[in-house]
Protein backbone atom coordinates (compact mmCIF):
# COMPACT_ATOMS: atom_id res chain seq x y z
CA UNK A 1 5.07 2.36 42.13
CA UNK A 2 6.55 5.09 39.95
CA UNK A 3 9.24 4.48 37.38
CA UNK A 4 11.91 6.13 39.54
CA UNK A 5 10.98 4.04 42.58
CA UNK A 6 10.93 0.86 40.49
CA UNK A 7 14.37 1.60 39.08
CA UNK A 8 15.73 2.31 42.54
CA UNK A 9 14.30 -0.95 43.89
CA UNK A 10 15.77 -2.91 40.98
CA UNK A 11 19.21 -1.40 41.60
CA UNK A 12 19.00 -2.22 45.31
CA UNK A 13 18.27 -5.86 44.44
CA UNK A 14 21.07 -5.93 41.87
CA UNK A 15 23.43 -4.16 44.25
CA UNK A 16 23.13 -6.92 46.86
CA UNK A 17 24.06 -9.57 44.30
CA UNK A 18 26.84 -7.39 42.89
CA UNK A 19 28.36 -6.79 46.33
CA UNK A 20 28.48 -10.53 47.01
CA UNK A 21 30.06 -11.24 43.61
CA UNK A 22 32.58 -8.42 44.01
CA UNK A 23 33.54 -9.60 47.47
CA UNK A 24 34.31 -13.04 46.06
CA UNK A 25 36.26 -11.61 43.11
CA UNK A 26 38.28 -9.37 45.42
CA UNK A 27 39.11 -12.24 47.77
CA UNK A 28 40.06 -14.59 44.93
CA UNK A 29 42.09 -12.04 42.92
CA UNK A 30 44.31 -9.94 45.21
CA UNK A 31 46.76 -9.40 42.35
CA UNK A 32 43.99 -7.86 40.22
CA UNK A 33 43.02 -5.63 43.15
CA UNK A 34 46.57 -4.32 43.34
CA UNK A 35 46.68 -3.78 39.59
CA UNK A 36 43.33 -1.97 39.56
CA UNK A 37 44.41 0.31 42.38
CA UNK A 38 47.54 1.20 40.41
CA UNK A 39 45.69 1.53 37.09
CA UNK A 40 42.04 2.49 37.73
CA UNK A 41 40.97 1.65 34.16
CA UNK A 42 41.38 -2.01 35.17
CA UNK A 43 38.29 -1.67 37.36
CA UNK A 44 36.50 -2.64 34.16
CA UNK A 45 37.76 -6.19 34.69
CA UNK A 46 35.86 -6.36 37.99
CA UNK A 47 32.79 -4.72 36.46
CA UNK A 48 32.71 -7.21 33.59
CA UNK A 49 33.21 -10.25 35.78
CA UNK A 50 30.60 -9.01 38.25
CA UNK A 51 28.08 -8.37 35.48
CA UNK A 52 28.67 -11.93 34.21
CA UNK A 53 28.25 -13.36 37.71
CA UNK A 54 24.92 -11.62 38.30
CA UNK A 55 23.52 -12.26 34.83
CA UNK A 56 24.03 -8.79 33.39
CA UNK A 57 23.30 -5.28 34.56
CA UNK A 58 21.17 -2.36 33.49
CA UNK A 59 23.29 -0.08 35.68
CA UNK A 60 26.93 -0.36 34.52
CA UNK A 61 27.75 3.13 35.81
CA UNK A 62 26.50 2.29 39.29
CA UNK A 63 28.25 -1.08 39.16
CA UNK A 64 31.52 0.64 38.26
CA UNK A 65 31.11 3.06 41.18
CA UNK A 66 30.38 0.16 43.55
CA UNK A 67 33.42 -1.78 42.32
CA UNK A 68 35.65 1.25 42.74
CA UNK A 69 34.42 1.86 46.29
CA UNK A 70 34.87 -1.77 47.28
CA UNK A 71 38.34 -1.99 45.74
CA UNK A 72 39.55 1.11 47.55
CA UNK A 73 38.17 -0.15 50.87
CA UNK A 74 40.09 -3.40 50.39
CA UNK A 75 43.83 -3.76 50.94
CA UNK A 76 44.52 -0.21 52.08
């Protein structure tokens, strides 16, 4: 397996865990969702909490993109 394929596979594994953690955070913190939608820099709160929940991340940029997508799909 090449380096690029290995990195992609690792992100896919991490992404599944991150999605589950984000879903829980979103459900448990509707006020934070509203705040983050009004002030996008607050997405960092979700990124940090998600990273903690999954034991860290080597892909913070992808995690931020995932959090942003999930937050905008929620409560529209």
